[in-house]
PDB file of all heavy atoms in Angstrom:
ATOM      1  N   LEU A   1     -39.275  12.609 -24.776  1.00  0.00           N
ATOM      2  CA  LEU A   1     -38.583  13.791 -25.360  1.00  0.00           C
ATOM      3  C   LEU A   1     -38.254  13.793 -26.810  1.00  0.00           C
ATOM      4  O   LEU A   1     -37.364  13.090 -27.254  1.00  0.00           O
ATOM      5  CB  LEU A   1     -37.310  13.895 -24.548  1.00  0.00           C
ATOM      6  CG  LEU A   1     -36.431  15.258 -24.786  1.00  0.00           C
ATOM      7  CD1 LEU A   1     -37.188  16.314 -24.214  1.00  0.00           C
ATOM      8  CD2 LEU A   1     -35.009  14.959 -24.272  1.00  0.00           C
ATOM      9  N   SER A   2     -39.183  14.359 -27.584  1.00  0.00           N
ATOM     10  CA  SER A   2     -39.038  14.505 -29.018  1.00  0.00           C
ATOM     11  C   SER A   2     -37.845  15.365 -29.314  1.00  0.00           C
ATOM     12  O   SER A   2     -37.490  16.351 -28.696  1.00  0.00           O
ATOM     13  CB  SER A   2     -40.270  15.034 -29.592  1.00  0.00           C
ATOM     14  OG  SER A   2     -41.486  14.204 -29.341  1.00  0.00           O
ATOM     15  N   ALA A   3     -37.250  15.085 -30.459  1.00  0.00           N
ATOM     16  CA  ALA A   3     -36.073  15.898 -30.933  1.00  0.00           C
ATOM     17  C   ALA A   3     -36.477  17.475 -31.156  1.00  0.00           C
ATOM     18  O   ALA A   3     -35.803  18.275 -30.850  1.00  0.00           O
ATOM     19  CB  ALA A   3     -35.512  15.317 -32.215  1.00  0.00           C
ATOM     20  N   ASP A   4     -37.738  17.652 -31.676  1.00  0.00           N
ATOM     21  CA  ASP A   4     -38.093  18.979 -32.013  1.00  0.00           C
ATOM     22  C   ASP A   4     -38.463  19.829 -30.828  1.00  0.00           C
ATOM     23  O   ASP A   4     -38.825  20.963 -30.895  1.00  0.00           O
ATOM     24  CB  ASP A   4     -39.300  18.996 -33.036  1.00  0.00           C
ATOM     25  CG  ASP A   4     -40.551  18.237 -32.492  1.00  0.00           C
ATOM     26  OD1 ASP A   4     -40.564  17.904 -31.448  1.00  0.00           O
ATOM     27  OD2 ASP A   4     -41.436  18.093 -33.429  1.00  0.00           O
ATOM     28  N   PHE A   5     -38.414  19.279 -29.615  1.00  0.00           N
ATOM     29  CA  PHE A   5     -38.456  20.107 -28.345  1.00  0.00           C
ATOM     30  C   PHE A   5     -37.209  20.921 -28.210  1.00  0.00           C
ATOM     31  O   PHE A   5     -37.262  21.967 -27.475  1.00  0.00           O
ATOM     32  CB  PHE A   5     -38.763  19.248 -27.158  1.00  0.00           C
ATOM     33  CG  PHE A   5     -40.082  18.631 -27.064  1.00  0.00           C
ATOM     34  CD1 PHE A   5     -40.278  17.430 -26.422  1.00  0.00           C
ATOM     35  CD2 PHE A   5     -41.143  19.252 -27.627  1.00  0.00           C
ATOM     36  CE1 PHE A   5     -41.555  16.874 -26.355  1.00  0.00           C
ATOM     37  CE2 PHE A   5     -42.447  18.775 -27.493  1.00  0.00           C
ATOM     38  CZ  PHE A   5     -42.684  17.430 -26.886  1.00  0.00           C
ATOM     39  N   LEU A   6     -36.118  20.354 -28.626  1.00  0.00           N
ATOM     40  CA  LEU A   6     -34.757  21.022 -28.351  1.00  0.00           C
ATOM     41  C   LEU A   6     -34.595  22.186 -29.284  1.00  0.00           C
ATOM     42  O   LEU A   6     -34.666  22.002 -30.610  1.00  0.00           O
ATOM     43  CB  LEU A   6     -33.623  20.024 -28.485  1.00  0.00           C
ATOM     44  CG  LEU A   6     -33.324  19.254 -27.305  1.00  0.00           C
ATOM     45  CD1 LEU A   6     -34.400  18.318 -26.848  1.00  0.00           C
ATOM     46  CD2 LEU A   6     -31.947  18.445 -27.424  1.00  0.00           C
ATOM     47  N   GLY A   7     -34.053  23.234 -28.894  1.00  0.00           N
ATOM     48  CA  GLY A   7     -33.785  24.369 -29.741  1.00  0.00           C
ATOM     49  C   GLY A   7     -32.646  24.077 -30.723  1.00  0.00           C
ATOM     50  O   GLY A   7     -32.735  24.451 -31.951  1.00  0.00           O
ATOM     51  N   VAL A   8     -31.702  23.255 -30.369  1.00  0.00           N
ATOM     52  CA  VAL A   8     -30.639  22.881 -31.228  1.00  0.00           C
ATOM     53  C   VAL A   8     -31.044  22.026 -32.352  1.00  0.00           C
ATOM     54  O   VAL A   8     -30.424  21.819 -33.415  1.00  0.00           O
ATOM     55  CB  VAL A   8     -29.413  22.209 -30.481  1.00  0.00           C
ATOM     56  CG1 VAL A   8     -28.750  23.295 -29.595  1.00  0.00           C
ATOM     57  CG2 VAL A   8     -29.892  21.021 -29.821  1.00  0.00           C
ATOM     58  N   LEU A   9     -32.350  21.463 -32.259  1.00  0.00           N
ATOM     59  CA  LEU A   9     -32.905  20.637 -33.306  1.00  0.00           C
ATOM     60  C   LEU A   9     -34.077  21.240 -33.960  1.00  0.00           C
ATOM     61  O   LEU A   9     -34.825  20.600 -34.554  1.00  0.00           O
ATOM     62  CB  LEU A   9     -33.218  19.238 -32.846  1.00  0.00           C
ATOM     63  CG  LEU A   9     -31.941  18.344 -32.393  1.00  0.00           C
ATOM     64  CD1 LEU A   9     -32.409  17.108 -31.818  1.00  0.00           C
ATOM     65  CD2 LEU A   9     -31.062  18.118 -33.611  1.00  0.00           C
ATOM     66  N   GLY A  10     -34.113  22.644 -33.889  1.00  0.00           N
ATOM     67  CA  GLY A  10     -35.204  23.283 -34.499  1.00  0.00           C
ATOM     68  C   GLY A  10     -36.336  23.725 -33.686  1.00  0.00           C
ATOM     69  O   GLY A  10     -37.265  24.404 -34.185  1.00  0.00           O
ATOM     70  N   GLY A  11     -36.444  23.360 -32.425  1.00  0.00           N
ATOM     71  CA  GLY A  11     -37.567  23.815 -31.504  1.00  0.00           C
ATOM     72  C   GLY A  11     -37.556  25.218 -31.415  1.00  0.00           C
ATOM     73  O   GLY A  11     -36.541  25.817 -31.319  1.00  0.00           O
ATOM     74  N   THR A  12     -38.799  25.783 -31.369  1.00  0.00           N
ATOM     75  CA  THR A  12     -38.945  27.269 -31.224  1.00  0.00           C
ATOM     76  C   THR A  12     -39.562  27.750 -29.938  1.00  0.00           C
ATOM     77  O   THR A  12     -39.789  28.967 -29.685  1.00  0.00           O
ATOM     78  CB  THR A  12     -39.868  27.730 -32.381  1.00  0.00           C
ATOM     79  OG1 THR A  12     -41.174  27.093 -32.316  1.00  0.00           O
ATOM     80  CG2 THR A  12     -39.189  27.418 -33.780  1.00  0.00           C
ATOM     81  N   HIS A  13     -39.826  26.775 -29.036  1.00  0.00           N
ATOM     82  CA  HIS A  13     -40.483  27.215 -27.693  1.00  0.00           C
ATOM     83  C   HIS A  13     -39.582  27.615 -26.593  1.00  0.00           C
ATOM     84  O   HIS A  13     -40.066  28.061 -25.560  1.00  0.00           O
ATOM     85  CB  HIS A  13     -41.453  25.998 -27.287  1.00  0.00           C
ATOM     86  CG  HIS A  13     -42.570  25.672 -28.250  1.00  0.00           C
ATOM     87  ND1 HIS A  13     -43.634  26.436 -28.269  1.00  0.00           N
ATOM     88  CD2 HIS A  13     -42.589  24.758 -29.212  1.00  0.00           C
ATOM     89  CE1 HIS A  13     -44.503  25.983 -29.322  1.00  0.00           C
ATOM     90  NE2 HIS A  13     -43.841  24.871 -29.868  1.00  0.00           N
ATOM     91  N   LYS A  14     -38.242  27.404 -26.759  1.00  0.00           N
ATOM     92  CA  LYS A  14     -37.297  27.858 -25.725  1.00  0.00           C
ATOM     93  C   LYS A  14     -37.555  27.283 -24.455  1.00  0.00           C
ATOM     94  O   LYS A  14     -37.589  27.971 -23.392  1.00  0.00           O
ATOM     95  CB  LYS A  14     -37.228  29.406 -25.736  1.00  0.00           C
ATOM     96  CG  LYS A  14     -36.907  30.141 -26.946  1.00  0.00           C
ATOM     97  CD  LYS A  14     -36.879  31.599 -26.828  1.00  0.00           C
ATOM     98  CE  LYS A  14     -36.457  32.281 -28.138  1.00  0.00           C
ATOM     99  NZ  LYS A  14     -36.445  33.789 -28.028  1.00  0.00           N
ATOM    100  N   ILE A  15     -37.719  25.810 -24.509  1.00  0.00           N
ATOM    101  CA  ILE A  15     -38.019  25.206 -23.216  1.00  0.00           C
ATOM    102  C   ILE A  15     -36.935  24.209 -22.827  1.00  0.00           C
ATOM    103  O   ILE A  15     -37.033  23.547 -21.804  1.00  0.00           O
ATOM    104  CB  ILE A  15     -39.344  24.357 -23.397  1.00  0.00           C
ATOM    105  CG1 ILE A  15     -39.338  23.559 -24.602  1.00  0.00           C
ATOM    106  CG2 ILE A  15     -40.473  25.385 -23.421  1.00  0.00           C
ATOM    107  CD1 ILE A  15     -40.568  22.730 -24.836  1.00  0.00           C
ATOM    108  N   THR A  16     -35.876  24.175 -23.591  1.00  0.00           N
ATOM    109  CA  THR A  16     -34.682  23.209 -23.164  1.00  0.00           C
ATOM    110  C   THR A  16     -33.350  23.838 -23.066  1.00  0.00           C
ATOM    111  O   THR A  16     -32.392  23.459 -23.737  1.00  0.00           O
ATOM    112  CB  THR A  16     -34.767  22.083 -24.210  1.00  0.00           C
ATOM    113  OG1 THR A  16     -34.340  22.675 -25.520  1.00  0.00           O
ATOM    114  CG2 THR A  16     -35.932  21.297 -24.215  1.00  0.00           C
ATOM    115  N   PRO A  17     -33.184  24.957 -22.310  1.00  0.00           N
ATOM    116  CA  PRO A  17     -31.910  25.627 -22.362  1.00  0.00           C
ATOM    117  C   PRO A  17     -30.762  24.710 -21.831  1.00  0.00           C
ATOM    118  O   PRO A  17     -29.591  24.742 -22.207  1.00  0.00           O
ATOM    119  CB  PRO A  17     -32.151  26.862 -21.322  1.00  0.00           C
ATOM    120  CG  PRO A  17     -33.349  26.466 -20.413  1.00  0.00           C
ATOM    121  CD  PRO A  17     -34.184  25.654 -21.416  1.00  0.00           C
ATOM    122  N   THR A  18     -31.128  23.821 -20.808  1.00  0.00           N
ATOM    123  CA  THR A  18     -30.099  22.923 -20.229  1.00  0.00           C
ATOM    124  C   THR A  18     -29.604  21.873 -21.355  1.00  0.00           C
ATOM    125  O   THR A  18     -28.418  21.733 -21.617  1.00  0.00           O
ATOM    126  CB  THR A  18     -30.594  22.215 -19.048  1.00  0.00           C
ATOM    127  OG1 THR A  18     -30.872  23.105 -18.066  1.00  0.00           O
ATOM    128  CG2 THR A  18     -29.634  21.194 -18.593  1.00  0.00           C
ATOM    129  N   LEU A  19     -30.504  21.344 -21.942  1.00  0.00           N
ATOM    130  CA  LEU A  19     -30.101  20.243 -23.004  1.00  0.00           C
ATOM    131  C   LEU A  19     -29.503  20.888 -24.209  1.00  0.00           C
ATOM    132  O   LEU A  19     -28.602  20.374 -24.754  1.00  0.00           O
ATOM    133  CB  LEU A  19     -31.385  19.497 -23.429  1.00  0.00           C
ATOM    134  CG  LEU A  19     -32.072  18.670 -22.330  1.00  0.00           C
ATOM    135  CD1 LEU A  19     -33.381  18.065 -22.834  1.00  0.00           C
ATOM    136  CD2 LEU A  19     -31.126  17.487 -21.968  1.00  0.00           C
ATOM    137  N   ASP A  20     -29.894  22.119 -24.547  1.00  0.00           N
ATOM    138  CA  ASP A  20     -29.269  22.833 -25.635  1.00  0.00           C
ATOM    139  C   ASP A  20     -27.826  23.135 -25.283  1.00  0.00           C
ATOM    140  O   ASP A  20     -26.918  23.089 -26.156  1.00  0.00           O
ATOM    141  CB  ASP A  20     -30.041  24.106 -26.005  1.00  0.00           C
ATOM    142  CG  ASP A  20     -31.459  24.003 -26.610  1.00  0.00           C
ATOM    143  OD1 ASP A  20     -31.561  22.795 -27.161  1.00  0.00           O
ATOM    144  OD2 ASP A  20     -32.258  24.791 -26.561  1.00  0.00           O
ATOM    145  N   SER A  21     -27.590  23.581 -24.037  1.00  0.00           N
ATOM    146  CA  SER A  21     -26.315  23.839 -23.550  1.00  0.00           C
ATOM    147  C   SER A  21     -25.344  22.519 -23.654  1.00  0.00           C
ATOM    148  O   SER A  21     -24.220  22.595 -24.029  1.00  0.00           O
ATOM    149  CB  SER A  21     -26.222  24.475 -22.212  1.00  0.00           C
ATOM    150  OG  SER A  21     -24.858  24.625 -21.729  1.00  0.00           O
ATOM    151  N   LEU A  22     -26.020  21.537 -23.114  1.00  0.00           N
ATOM    152  CA  LEU A  22     -25.161  20.228 -23.037  1.00  0.00           C
ATOM    153  C   LEU A  22     -24.961  19.667 -24.455  1.00  0.00           C
ATOM    154  O   LEU A  22     -23.807  19.164 -24.731  1.00  0.00           O
ATOM    155  CB  LEU A  22     -26.050  19.143 -22.293  1.00  0.00           C
ATOM    156  CG  LEU A  22     -26.178  19.340 -20.747  1.00  0.00           C
ATOM    157  CD1 LEU A  22     -27.136  18.306 -20.136  1.00  0.00           C
ATOM    158  CD2 LEU A  22     -24.815  19.231 -20.064  1.00  0.00           C
ATOM    159  N   ALA A  23     -25.856  19.900 -25.378  1.00  0.00           N
ATOM    160  CA  ALA A  23     -25.614  19.431 -26.773  1.00  0.00           C
ATOM    161  C   ALA A  23     -24.439  20.171 -27.360  1.00  0.00           C
ATOM    162  O   ALA A  23     -23.741  19.506 -28.204  1.00  0.00           O
ATOM    163  CB  ALA A  23     -27.043  19.744 -27.487  1.00  0.00           C
ATOM    164  N   ASN A  24     -24.193  21.343 -26.974  1.00  0.00           N
ATOM    165  CA  ASN A  24     -22.977  22.063 -27.473  1.00  0.00           C
ATOM    166  C   ASN A  24     -21.703  21.664 -26.763  1.00  0.00           C
ATOM    167  O   ASN A  24     -20.606  22.228 -27.172  1.00  0.00           O
ATOM    168  CB  ASN A  24     -23.385  23.491 -27.508  1.00  0.00           C
ATOM    169  CG  ASN A  24     -24.418  23.992 -28.415  1.00  0.00           C
ATOM    170  OD1 ASN A  24     -24.443  23.525 -29.601  1.00  0.00           O
ATOM    171  ND2 ASN A  24     -25.252  24.916 -28.008  1.00  0.00           N
ATOM    172  N   ASN A  25     -21.752  20.916 -25.729  1.00  0.00           N
ATOM    173  CA  ASN A  25     -20.603  20.614 -24.972  1.00  0.00           C
ATOM    174  C   ASN A  25     -20.491  19.164 -24.747  1.00  0.00           C
ATOM    175  O   ASN A  25     -20.002  18.666 -23.699  1.00  0.00           O
ATOM    176  CB  ASN A  25     -20.591  21.381 -23.659  1.00  0.00           C
ATOM    177  CG  ASN A  25     -20.576  22.880 -23.852  1.00  0.00           C
ATOM    178  OD1 ASN A  25     -19.418  23.416 -24.013  1.00  0.00           O
ATOM    179  ND2 ASN A  25     -21.735  23.567 -23.813  1.00  0.00           N
ATOM    180  N   SER A  26     -20.942  18.316 -25.754  1.00  0.00           N
ATOM    181  CA  SER A  26     -21.020  16.900 -25.563  1.00  0.00           C
ATOM    182  C   SER A  26     -20.702  16.210 -26.875  1.00  0.00           C
ATOM    183  O   SER A  26     -20.678  16.923 -27.912  1.00  0.00           O
ATOM    184  CB  SER A  26     -22.292  16.526 -24.992  1.00  0.00           C
ATOM    185  OG  SER A  26     -22.643  17.195 -23.742  1.00  0.00           O
ATOM    186  N   LEU A  27     -20.780  14.831 -26.822  1.00  0.00           N
ATOM    187  CA  LEU A  27     -21.102  14.160 -28.065  1.00  0.00           C
ATOM    188  C   LEU A  27     -22.629  14.231 -28.244  1.00  0.00           C
ATOM    189  O   LEU A  27     -23.384  13.662 -27.461  1.00  0.00           O
ATOM    190  CB  LEU A  27     -20.633  12.717 -27.947  1.00  0.00           C
ATOM    191  CG  LEU A  27     -19.181  12.432 -28.029  1.00  0.00           C
ATOM    192  CD1 LEU A  27     -18.914  10.923 -28.063  1.00  0.00           C
ATOM    193  CD2 LEU A  27     -18.567  13.049 -29.366  1.00  0.00           C
ATOM    194  N   PHE A  28     -23.104  14.901 -29.322  1.00  0.00           N
ATOM    195  CA  PHE A  28     -24.453  14.979 -29.527  1.00  0.00           C
ATOM    196  C   PHE A  28     -24.940  14.401 -30.828  1.00  0.00           C
ATOM    197  O   PHE A  28     -24.451  14.797 -31.918  1.00  0.00           O
ATOM    198  CB  PHE A  28     -24.899  16.576 -29.465  1.00  0.00           C
ATOM    199  CG  PHE A  28     -26.327  16.800 -29.783  1.00  0.00           C
ATOM    200  CD1 PHE A  28     -27.250  16.213 -28.934  1.00  0.00           C
ATOM    201  CD2 PHE A  28     -26.688  17.683 -30.823  1.00  0.00           C
ATOM    202  CE1 PHE A  28     -28.662  16.547 -29.116  1.00  0.00           C
ATOM    203  CE2 PHE A  28     -28.000  17.975 -30.993  1.00  0.00           C
ATOM    204  CZ  PHE A  28     -28.992  17.433 -30.186  1.00  0.00           C
ATOM    205  N   PHE A  29     -25.856  13.474 -30.746  1.00  0.00           N
ATOM    206  CA  PHE A  29     -26.321  12.677 -31.889  1.00  0.00           C
ATOM    207  C   PHE A  29     -27.602  13.365 -32.434  1.00  0.00           C
ATOM    208  O   PHE A  29     -28.687  13.248 -31.839  1.00  0.00           O
ATOM    209  CB  PHE A  29     -26.519  11.253 -31.541  1.00  0.00           C
ATOM    210  CG  PHE A  29     -25.308  10.641 -30.973  1.00  0.00           C
ATOM    211  CD1 PHE A  29     -25.122  10.613 -29.584  1.00  0.00           C
ATOM    212  CD2 PHE A  29     -24.373  10.098 -31.799  1.00  0.00           C
ATOM    213  CE1 PHE A  29     -23.989  10.028 -29.020  1.00  0.00           C
ATOM    214  CE2 PHE A  29     -23.194   9.501 -31.324  1.00  0.00           C
ATOM    215  CZ  PHE A  29     -22.988   9.483 -29.921  1.00  0.00           C
ATOM    216  N   GLU A  30     -27.418  13.971 -33.547  1.00  0.00           N
ATOM    217  CA  GLU A  30     -28.544  14.841 -34.191  1.00  0.00           C
ATOM    218  C   GLU A  30     -29.553  14.063 -34.979  1.00  0.00           C
ATOM    219  O   GLU A  30     -30.532  14.465 -35.209  1.00  0.00           O
ATOM    220  CB  GLU A  30     -27.945  15.926 -35.079  1.00  0.00           C
ATOM    221  CG  GLU A  30     -27.019  16.891 -34.424  1.00  0.00           C
ATOM    222  CD  GLU A  30     -26.391  17.840 -35.357  1.00  0.00           C
ATOM    223  OE1 GLU A  30     -25.823  17.431 -36.446  1.00  0.00           O
ATOM    224  OE2 GLU A  30     -26.481  19.062 -35.089  1.00  0.00           O
ATOM    225  N   ASN A  31     -29.124  12.768 -35.506  1.00  0.00           N
ATOM    226  CA  ASN A  31     -30.013  12.151 -36.410  1.00  0.00           C
ATOM    227  C   ASN A  31     -30.279  10.696 -35.833  1.00  0.00           C
ATOM    228  O   ASN A  31     -30.024   9.793 -36.704  1.00  0.00           O
ATOM    229  CB  ASN A  31     -29.311  11.964 -37.792  1.00  0.00           C
ATOM    230  CG  ASN A  31     -30.085  11.841 -38.961  1.00  0.00           C
ATOM    231  OD1 ASN A  31     -31.444  11.979 -38.793  1.00  0.00           O
ATOM    232  ND2 ASN A  31     -29.530  11.375 -39.931  1.00  0.00           N
ATOM    233  N   LEU A  32     -30.683  10.606 -34.659  1.00  0.00           N
ATOM    234  CA  LEU A  32     -30.897   9.408 -33.957  1.00  0.00           C
ATOM    235  C   LEU A  32     -32.426   9.032 -33.894  1.00  0.00           C
ATOM    236  O   LEU A  32     -33.213   9.939 -33.713  1.00  0.00           O
ATOM    237  CB  LEU A  32     -30.366   9.352 -32.534  1.00  0.00           C
ATOM    238  CG  LEU A  32     -30.250   8.041 -31.900  1.00  0.00           C
ATOM    239  CD1 LEU A  32     -28.834   7.379 -32.287  1.00  0.00           C
ATOM    240  CD2 LEU A  32     -30.192   8.305 -30.311  1.00  0.00           C
TER     241      LEU A  32
END
């Protein structure tokens, strides 16, 4: 799972709605 698959990390394919939602409601590490 590359970071750039996630919309919250710049992904444009709209394929991770669950992870994007969790990222906004969790401790989310953006630079790991």
